[in-house]
PDB file of N, CA and C in Angstrom:
ATOM      1  N   MET A   1     137.506 138.671 192.696  1.00  0.00           N
ATOM      2  CA  MET A   1     136.750 137.845 191.758  1.00  0.00           C
ATOM      3  C   MET A   1     135.281 137.970 192.116  1.00  0.00           C
ATOM      4  N   GLU A   2     134.461 138.218 191.113  1.00  0.00           N
ATOM      5  CA  GLU A   2     133.034 138.357 191.290  1.00  0.00           C
ATOM      6  C   GLU A   2     132.365 136.965 191.309  1.00  0.00           C
ATOM      7  N   ILE A   3     131.359 136.840 192.182  1.00  0.00           N
ATOM      8  CA  ILE A   3     130.586 135.594 192.253  1.00  0.00           C
ATOM      9  C   ILE A   3     129.157 135.895 191.826  1.00  0.00           C
ATOM     10  N   LEU A   4     128.689 135.197 190.789  1.00  0.00           N
ATOM     11  CA  LEU A   4     127.320 135.393 190.315  1.00  0.00           C
ATOM     12  C   LEU A   4     126.482 134.216 190.792  1.00  0.00           C
ATOM     13  N   LYS A   5     125.357 134.506 191.411  1.00  0.00           N
ATOM     14  CA  LYS A   5     124.441 133.471 191.822  1.00  0.00           C
ATOM     15  C   LYS A   5     123.345 133.342 190.785  1.00  0.00           C
ATOM     16  N   VAL A   6     123.223 132.161 190.214  1.00  0.00           N
ATOM     17  CA  VAL A   6     122.268 131.928 189.141  1.00  0.00           C
ATOM     18  C   VAL A   6     121.106 131.087 189.681  1.00  0.00           C
ATOM     19  N   ALA A   7     119.899 131.546 189.384  1.00  0.00           N
ATOM     20  CA  ALA A   7     118.679 130.848 189.811  1.00  0.00           C
ATOM     21  C   ALA A   7     117.984 130.267 188.594  1.00  0.00           C
ATOM     22  N   SER A   8     117.030 129.419 188.819  1.00  0.00           N
ATOM     23  CA  SER A   8     116.294 128.802 187.714  1.00  0.00           C
ATOM     24  C   SER A   8     115.482 129.857 186.955  1.00  0.00           C
ATOM     25  N   ALA A   9     115.164 130.978 187.587  1.00  0.00           N
ATOM     26  CA  ALA A   9     114.423 132.053 186.946  1.00  0.00           C
ATOM     27  C   ALA A   9     115.333 133.093 186.312  1.00  0.00           C
ATOM     28  N   SER A  10     116.640 132.922 186.392  1.00  0.00           N
ATOM     29  CA  SER A  10     117.581 133.884 185.833  1.00  0.00           C
ATOM     30  C   SER A  10     117.488 133.901 184.313  1.00  0.00           C
ATOM     31  N   ASN A  11     117.626 135.089 183.734  1.00  0.00           N
ATOM     32  CA  ASN A  11     117.641 135.224 182.291  1.00  0.00           C
ATOM     33  C   ASN A  11     119.059 134.930 181.800  1.00  0.00           C
ATOM     34  N   PRO A  12     119.250 133.903 180.967  1.00  0.00           N
ATOM     35  CA  PRO A  12     120.601 133.537 180.532  1.00  0.00           C
ATOM     36  C   PRO A  12     121.326 134.644 179.786  1.00  0.00           C
ATOM     37  N   ASN A  13     120.585 135.493 179.047  1.00  0.00           N
ATOM     38  CA  ASN A  13     121.227 136.607 178.340  1.00  0.00           C
ATOM     39  C   ASN A  13     121.762 137.624 179.324  1.00  0.00           C
ATOM     40  N   ALA A  14     121.015 137.894 180.397  1.00  0.00           N
ATOM     41  CA  ALA A  14     121.455 138.859 181.400  1.00  0.00           C
ATOM     42  C   ALA A  14     122.692 138.311 182.151  1.00  0.00           C
ATOM     43  N   VAL A  15     122.656 137.021 182.487  1.00  0.00           N
ATOM     44  CA  VAL A  15     123.788 136.399 183.199  1.00  0.00           C
ATOM     45  C   VAL A  15     125.008 136.400 182.274  1.00  0.00           C
ATOM     46  N   ALA A  16     124.792 136.126 180.973  1.00  0.00           N
ATOM     47  CA  ALA A  16     125.899 136.141 180.026  1.00  0.00           C
ATOM     48  C   ALA A  16     126.541 137.516 179.950  1.00  0.00           C
ATOM     49  N   GLY A  17     125.725 138.560 179.955  1.00  0.00           N
ATOM     50  CA  GLY A  17     126.265 139.918 179.942  1.00  0.00           C
ATOM     51  C   GLY A  17     127.082 140.195 181.192  1.00  0.00           C
ATOM     52  N   ALA A  18     126.583 139.721 182.350  1.00  0.00           N
ATOM     53  CA  ALA A  18     127.328 139.891 183.608  1.00  0.00           C
ATOM     54  C   ALA A  18     128.628 139.142 183.578  1.00  0.00           C
ATOM     55  N   ILE A  19     128.632 137.934 183.002  1.00  0.00           N
ATOM     56  CA  ILE A  19     129.852 137.147 182.888  1.00  0.00           C
ATOM     57  C   ILE A  19     130.871 137.872 181.988  1.00  0.00           C
ATOM     58  N   ALA A  20     130.391 138.334 180.822  1.00  0.00           N
ATOM     59  CA  ALA A  20     131.284 139.024 179.894  1.00  0.00           C
ATOM     60  C   ALA A  20     131.859 140.300 180.516  1.00  0.00           C
ATOM     61  N   GLY A  21     131.017 141.033 181.254  1.00  0.00           N
ATOM     62  CA  GLY A  21     131.499 142.250 181.918  1.00  0.00           C
ATOM     63  C   GLY A  21     132.529 141.954 182.977  1.00  0.00           C
ATOM     64  N   ALA A  22     132.286 140.927 183.780  1.00  0.00           N
ATOM     65  CA  ALA A  22     133.226 140.557 184.835  1.00  0.00           C
ATOM     66  C   ALA A  22     134.535 140.054 184.235  1.00  0.00           C
ATOM     67  N   LEU A  23     134.470 139.319 183.137  1.00  0.00           N
ATOM     68  CA  LEU A  23     135.683 138.866 182.461  1.00  0.00           C
ATOM     69  C   LEU A  23     136.474 140.063 181.918  1.00  0.00           C
ATOM     70  N   GLU A  24     135.775 141.070 181.432  1.00  0.00           N
ATOM     71  CA  GLU A  24     136.445 142.257 180.938  1.00  0.00           C
ATOM     72  C   GLU A  24     137.189 143.000 182.055  1.00  0.00           C
ATOM     73  N   ASN A  25     136.559 143.045 183.242  1.00  0.00           N
ATOM     74  CA  ASN A  25     137.152 143.750 184.383  1.00  0.00           C
ATOM     75  C   ASN A  25     138.240 142.973 185.088  1.00  0.00           C
ATOM     76  N   ASP A  26     137.915 141.697 185.438  1.00  0.00           N
ATOM     77  CA  ASP A  26     138.823 140.931 186.285  1.00  0.00           C
ATOM     78  C   ASP A  26     139.514 139.775 185.554  1.00  0.00           C
ATOM     79  N   GLY A  27     138.951 139.320 184.449  1.00  0.00           N
ATOM     80  CA  GLY A  27     139.518 138.188 183.737  1.00  0.00           C
ATOM     81  C   GLY A  27     139.067 136.848 184.281  1.00  0.00           C
ATOM     82  N   ILE A  28     138.319 136.870 185.403  1.00  0.00           N
ATOM     83  CA  ILE A  28     137.832 135.628 186.015  1.00  0.00           C
ATOM     84  C   ILE A  28     136.541 135.936 186.769  1.00  0.00           C
ATOM     85  N   VAL A  29     135.633 134.977 186.779  1.00  0.00           N
ATOM     86  CA  VAL A  29     134.356 135.117 187.472  1.00  0.00           C
ATOM     87  C   VAL A  29     133.858 133.727 187.845  1.00  0.00           C
ATOM     88  N   GLU A  30     133.100 133.638 188.934  1.00  0.00           N
ATOM     89  CA  GLU A  30     132.480 132.355 189.340  1.00  0.00           C
ATOM     90  C   GLU A  30     130.972 132.465 189.202  1.00  0.00           C
ATOM     91  N   ALA A  31     130.360 131.402 188.752  1.00  0.00           N
ATOM     92  CA  ALA A  31     128.882 131.305 188.726  1.00  0.00           C
ATOM     93  C   ALA A  31     128.484 130.136 189.622  1.00  0.00           C
ATOM     94  N   HIS A  32     127.608 130.407 190.570  1.00  0.00           N
ATOM     95  CA  HIS A  32     127.117 129.364 191.482  1.00  0.00           C
ATOM     96  C   HIS A  32     125.650 129.066 191.162  1.00  0.00           C
ATOM     97  N   ALA A  33     125.300 127.779 191.113  1.00  0.00           N
ATOM     98  CA  ALA A  33     123.933 127.375 190.802  1.00  0.00           C
ATOM     99  C   ALA A  33     123.563 126.180 191.668  1.00  0.00           C
ATOM    100  N   ILE A  34     122.372 126.237 192.253  1.00  0.00           N
ATOM    101  CA  ILE A  34     121.893 125.128 193.073  1.00  0.00           C
ATOM    102  C   ILE A  34     120.561 124.655 192.465  1.00  0.00           C
ATOM    103  N   GLY A  35     120.531 123.395 192.056  1.00  0.00           N
ATOM    104  CA  GLY A  35     119.335 122.813 191.459  1.00  0.00           C
ATOM    105  C   GLY A  35     119.487 122.695 189.949  1.00  0.00           C
ATOM    106  N   ALA A  36     118.715 121.760 189.408  1.00  0.00           N
ATOM    107  CA  ALA A  36     118.826 121.470 187.971  1.00  0.00           C
ATOM    108  C   ALA A  36     118.453 122.652 187.104  1.00  0.00           C
ATOM    109  N   GLY A  37     117.405 123.381 187.432  1.00  0.00           N
ATOM    110  CA  GLY A  37     116.972 124.528 186.635  1.00  0.00           C
ATOM    111  C   GLY A  37     118.027 125.622 186.634  1.00  0.00           C
ATOM    112  N   ALA A  38     118.644 125.873 187.784  1.00  0.00           N
ATOM    113  CA  ALA A  38     119.678 126.905 187.895  1.00  0.00           C
ATOM    114  C   ALA A  38     120.916 126.491 187.115  1.00  0.00           C
ATOM    115  N   VAL A  39     121.267 125.223 187.189  1.00  0.00           N
ATOM    116  CA  VAL A  39     122.454 124.751 186.446  1.00  0.00           C
ATOM    117  C   VAL A  39     122.191 124.883 184.935  1.00  0.00           C
ATOM    118  N   ASN A  40     120.996 124.582 184.501  1.00  0.00           N
ATOM    119  CA  ASN A  40     120.629 124.732 183.093  1.00  0.00           C
ATOM    120  C   ASN A  40     120.820 126.177 182.635  1.00  0.00           C
ATOM    121  N   GLN A  41     120.319 127.121 183.430  1.00  0.00           N
ATOM    122  CA  GLN A  41     120.431 128.519 183.067  1.00  0.00           C
ATOM    123  C   GLN A  41     121.900 128.967 183.073  1.00  0.00           C
ATOM    124  N   ALA A  42     122.670 128.494 184.016  1.00  0.00           N
ATOM    125  CA  ALA A  42     124.090 128.859 184.118  1.00  0.00           C
ATOM    126  C   ALA A  42     124.861 128.369 182.895  1.00  0.00           C
ATOM    127  N   VAL A  43     124.602 127.138 182.479  1.00  0.00           N
ATOM    128  CA  VAL A  43     125.331 126.592 181.316  1.00  0.00           C
ATOM    129  C   VAL A  43     124.956 127.327 180.046  1.00  0.00           C
ATOM    130  N   LYS A  44     123.652 127.660 179.909  1.00  0.00           N
ATOM    131  CA  LYS A  44     123.217 128.458 178.753  1.00  0.00           C
ATOM    132  C   LYS A  44     123.943 129.793 178.749  1.00  0.00           C
ATOM    133  N   ALA A  45     124.017 130.429 179.920  1.00  0.00           N
ATOM    134  CA  ALA A  45     124.667 131.727 180.030  1.00  0.00           C
ATOM    135  C   ALA A  45     126.131 131.659 179.644  1.00  0.00           C
ATOM    136  N   VAL A  46     126.823 130.603 180.041  1.00  0.00           N
ATOM    137  CA  VAL A  46     128.239 130.449 179.700  1.00  0.00           C
ATOM    138  C   VAL A  46     128.387 130.314 178.168  1.00  0.00           C
ATOM    139  N   ALA A  47     127.505 129.565 177.541  1.00  0.00           N
ATOM    140  CA  ALA A  47     127.569 129.408 176.091  1.00  0.00           C
ATOM    141  C   ALA A  47     127.340 130.737 175.376  1.00  0.00           C
ATOM    142  N   ILE A  48     126.396 131.530 175.861  1.00  0.00           N
ATOM    143  CA  ILE A  48     126.129 132.848 175.272  1.00  0.00           C
ATOM    144  C   ILE A  48     127.318 133.775 175.530  1.00  0.00           C
ATOM    145  N   ALA A  49     127.863 133.757 176.735  1.00  0.00           N
ATOM    146  CA  ALA A  49     129.006 134.615 177.072  1.00  0.00           C
ATOM    147  C   ALA A  49     130.191 134.273 176.198  1.00  0.00           C
ATOM    148  N   ARG A  50     130.398 133.007 175.926  1.00  0.00           N
ATOM    149  CA  ARG A  50     131.497 132.582 175.069  1.00  0.00           C
ATOM    150  C   ARG A  50     131.401 133.233 173.695  1.00  0.00           C
ATOM    151  N   ARG A  51     130.183 133.226 173.166  1.00  0.00           N
ATOM    152  CA  ARG A  51     129.939 133.857 171.855  1.00  0.00           C
ATOM    153  C   ARG A  51     130.212 135.367 171.936  1.00  0.00           C
ATOM    154  N   LEU A  52     129.761 136.008 172.997  1.00  0.00           N
ATOM    155  CA  LEU A  52     129.986 137.450 173.168  1.00  0.00           C
ATOM    156  C   LEU A  52     131.471 137.781 173.231  1.00  0.00           C
ATOM    157  N   VAL A  53     132.208 137.024 174.004  1.00  0.00           N
ATOM    158  CA  VAL A  53     133.654 137.257 174.160  1.00  0.00           C
ATOM    159  C   VAL A  53     134.385 137.036 172.843  1.00  0.00           C
ATOM    160  N   GLU A  54     134.021 136.009 172.113  1.00  0.00           N
ATOM    161  CA  GLU A  54     134.689 135.714 170.841  1.00  0.00           C
ATOM    162  C   GLU A  54     134.384 136.773 169.784  1.00  0.00           C
ATOM    163  N   ARG A  55     133.192 137.358 169.813  1.00  0.00           N
ATOM    164  CA  ARG A  55     132.856 138.423 168.870  1.00  0.00           C
ATOM    165  C   ARG A  55     133.664 139.674 169.085  1.00  0.00           C
ATOM    166  N   GLU A  56     134.140 139.857 170.311  1.00  0.00           N
ATOM    167  CA  GLU A  56     134.957 141.022 170.613  1.00  0.00           C
ATOM    168  C   GLU A  56     136.403 140.821 170.194  1.00  0.00           C
ATOM    169  N   GLY A  57     136.696 139.674 169.605  1.00  0.00           N
ATOM    170  CA  GLY A  57     138.052 139.427 169.147  1.00  0.00           C
ATOM    171  C   GLY A  57     138.950 138.761 170.170  1.00  0.00           C
ATOM    172  N   GLU A  58     138.399 138.453 171.323  1.00  0.00           N
ATOM    173  CA  GLU A  58     139.164 137.765 172.364  1.00  0.00           C
ATOM    174  C   GLU A  58     139.310 136.288 171.992  1.00  0.00           C
ATOM    175  N   PRO A  59     140.311 135.608 172.513  1.00  0.00           N
ATOM    176  CA  PRO A  59     140.554 134.231 172.117  1.00  0.00           C
ATOM    177  C   PRO A  59     139.527 133.228 172.637  1.00  0.00           C
ATOM    178  N   GLY A  60     138.747 133.525 173.623  1.00  0.00           N
ATOM    179  CA  GLY A  60     137.754 132.580 174.138  1.00  0.00           C
ATOM    180  C   GLY A  60     137.843 132.492 175.640  1.00  0.00           C
ATOM    181  N   ILE A  61     137.102 131.560 176.201  1.00  0.00           N
ATOM    182  CA  ILE A  61     137.078 131.412 177.647  1.00  0.00           C
ATOM    183  C   ILE A  61     137.355 129.948 178.031  1.00  0.00           C
ATOM    184  N   ARG A  62     137.688 129.767 179.292  1.00  0.00           N
ATOM    185  CA  ARG A  62     137.931 128.450 179.841  1.00  0.00           C
ATOM    186  C   ARG A  62     136.960 128.297 181.042  1.00  0.00           C
ATOM    187  N   VAL A  63     136.305 127.162 181.155  1.00  0.00           N
ATOM    188  CA  VAL A  63     135.354 126.923 182.232  1.00  0.00           C
ATOM    189  C   VAL A  63     135.811 125.671 183.012  1.00  0.00           C
ATOM    190  N   VAL A  64     135.922 125.866 184.337  1.00  0.00           N
ATOM    191  CA  VAL A  64     136.302 124.738 185.196  1.00  0.00           C
ATOM    192  C   VAL A  64     135.123 124.487 186.152  1.00  0.00           C
ATOM    193  N   PRO A  65     134.425 123.349 185.974  1.00  0.00           N
ATOM    194  CA  PRO A  65     133.301 123.051 186.864  1.00  0.00           C
ATOM    195  C   PRO A  65     133.769 122.384 188.161  1.00  0.00           C
ATOM    196  N   GLY A  66     132.950 122.563 189.185  1.00  0.00           N
ATOM    197  CA  GLY A  66     133.233 121.933 190.473  1.00  0.00           C
ATOM    198  C   GLY A  66     131.998 121.987 191.341  1.00  0.00           C
ATOM    199  N   PHE A  67     132.093 121.476 192.535  1.00  0.00           N
ATOM    200  CA  PHE A  67     130.973 121.465 193.472  1.00  0.00           C
ATOM    201  C   PHE A  67     131.237 122.427 194.615  1.00  0.00           C
ATOM    202  N   ILE A  68     130.168 122.955 195.184  1.00  0.00           N
ATOM    203  CA  ILE A  68     130.251 123.788 196.381  1.00  0.00           C
ATOM    204  C   ILE A  68     129.206 123.274 197.375  1.00  0.00           C
ATOM    205  N   ASP A  69     129.497 123.415 198.644  1.00  0.00           N
ATOM    206  CA  ASP A  69     128.523 123.121 199.710  1.00  0.00           C
ATOM    207  C   ASP A  69     128.044 124.428 200.291  1.00  0.00           C
ATOM    208  N   VAL A  70     126.725 124.602 200.349  1.00  0.00           N
ATOM    209  CA  VAL A  70     126.139 125.820 200.814  1.00  0.00           C
ATOM    210  C   VAL A  70     125.122 125.504 201.895  1.00  0.00           C
ATOM    211  N   GLU A  71     125.049 126.359 202.916  1.00  0.00           N
ATOM    212  CA  GLU A  71     124.021 126.162 203.942  1.00  0.00           C
ATOM    213  C   GLU A  71     122.923 127.191 203.720  1.00  0.00           C
ATOM    214  N   ILE A  72     121.715 126.687 203.485  1.00  0.00           N
ATOM    215  CA  ILE A  72     120.557 127.538 203.232  1.00  0.00           C
ATOM    216  C   ILE A  72     119.465 127.161 204.249  1.00  0.00           C
ATOM    217  N   GLY A  73     119.120 128.111 205.121  1.00  0.00           N
ATOM    218  CA  GLY A  73     118.068 127.856 206.111  1.00  0.00           C
ATOM    219  C   GLY A  73     118.418 126.707 207.022  1.00  0.00           C
ATOM    220  N   GLY A  74     119.673 126.568 207.385  1.00  0.00           N
ATOM    221  CA  GLY A  74     120.103 125.506 208.257  1.00  0.00           C
ATOM    222  C   GLY A  74     120.261 124.163 207.568  1.00  0.00           C
ATOM    223  N   GLU A  75     119.982 124.108 206.272  1.00  0.00           N
ATOM    224  CA  GLU A  75     120.085 122.867 205.517  1.00  0.00           C
ATOM    225  C   GLU A  75     121.291 122.937 204.580  1.00  0.00           C
ATOM    226  N   ARG A  76     122.068 121.895 204.545  1.00  0.00           N
ATOM    227  CA  ARG A  76     123.267 121.820 203.707  1.00  0.00           C
ATOM    228  C   ARG A  76     122.893 121.324 202.316  1.00  0.00           C
ATOM    229  N   LYS A  77     123.305 122.076 201.305  1.00  0.00           N
ATOM    230  CA  LYS A  77     122.998 121.706 199.902  1.00  0.00           C
ATOM    231  C   LYS A  77     124.285 121.728 199.111  1.00  0.00           C
ATOM    232  N   THR A  78     124.308 120.927 198.050  1.00  0.00           N
ATOM    233  CA  THR A  78     125.448 120.898 197.154  1.00  0.00           C
ATOM    234  C   THR A  78     125.029 121.594 195.869  1.00  0.00           C
ATOM    235  N   GLY A  79     125.889 122.462 195.384  1.00  0.00           N
ATOM    236  CA  GLY A  79     125.624 123.196 194.145  1.00  0.00           C
ATOM    237  C   GLY A  79     126.792 123.049 193.174  1.00  0.00           C
ATOM    238  N   LEU A  80     126.592 123.639 192.027  1.00  0.00           N
ATOM    239  CA  LEU A  80     127.624 123.611 191.005  1.00  0.00           C
ATOM    240  C   LEU A  80     128.318 124.955 190.977  1.00  0.00           C
ATOM    241  N   ARG A  81     129.645 124.913 190.889  1.00  0.00           N
ATOM    242  CA  ARG A  81     130.451 126.137 190.765  1.00  0.00           C
ATOM    243  C   ARG A  81     131.174 126.081 189.417  1.00  0.00           C
ATOM    244  N   LEU A  82     130.982 127.117 188.619  1.00  0.00           N
ATOM    245  CA  LEU A  82     131.651 127.242 187.343  1.00  0.00           C
ATOM    246  C   LEU A  82     132.647 128.389 187.442  1.00  0.00           C
ATOM    247  N   VAL A  83     133.915 128.088 187.346  1.00  0.00           N
ATOM    248  CA  VAL A  83     134.960 129.126 187.361  1.00  0.00           C
ATOM    249  C   VAL A  83     135.232 129.435 185.860  1.00  0.00           C
ATOM    250  N   ILE A  84     134.980 130.686 185.486  1.00  0.00           N
ATOM    251  CA  ILE A  84     135.088 131.091 184.084  1.00  0.00           C
ATOM    252  C   ILE A  84     136.222 132.086 183.978  1.00  0.00           C
ATOM    253  N   GLU A  85     137.152 131.854 183.068  1.00  0.00           N
ATOM    254  CA  GLU A  85     138.274 132.771 182.903  1.00  0.00           C
ATOM    255  C   GLU A  85     138.650 132.905 181.449  1.00  0.00           C
ATOM    256  N   LYS A  86     139.343 134.023 181.129  1.00  0.00           N
ATOM    257  CA  LYS A  86     139.801 134.244 179.746  1.00  0.00           C
ATOM    258  C   LYS A  86     141.025 133.400 179.493  1.00  0.00           C
TER     259      LYS A  86
END
């Protein structure tokens, strides 16, 4: 399973393309985002990816949100994990 790290500066269209490609290959992908801006970009990307997948005639996607704990520079942070699957 591929893990995509989404930042606040990430282009939602590019992330959506990566999500759609990973779904095509594996059928499941995770998107990790830390911070409000990154979560915003990740959610936009999922919405765009949903449209891309549906245009290809696929039935759609399922998204399961959750939290992750990550250590960055010795500091523990909580982020959002989106598990996306066909």
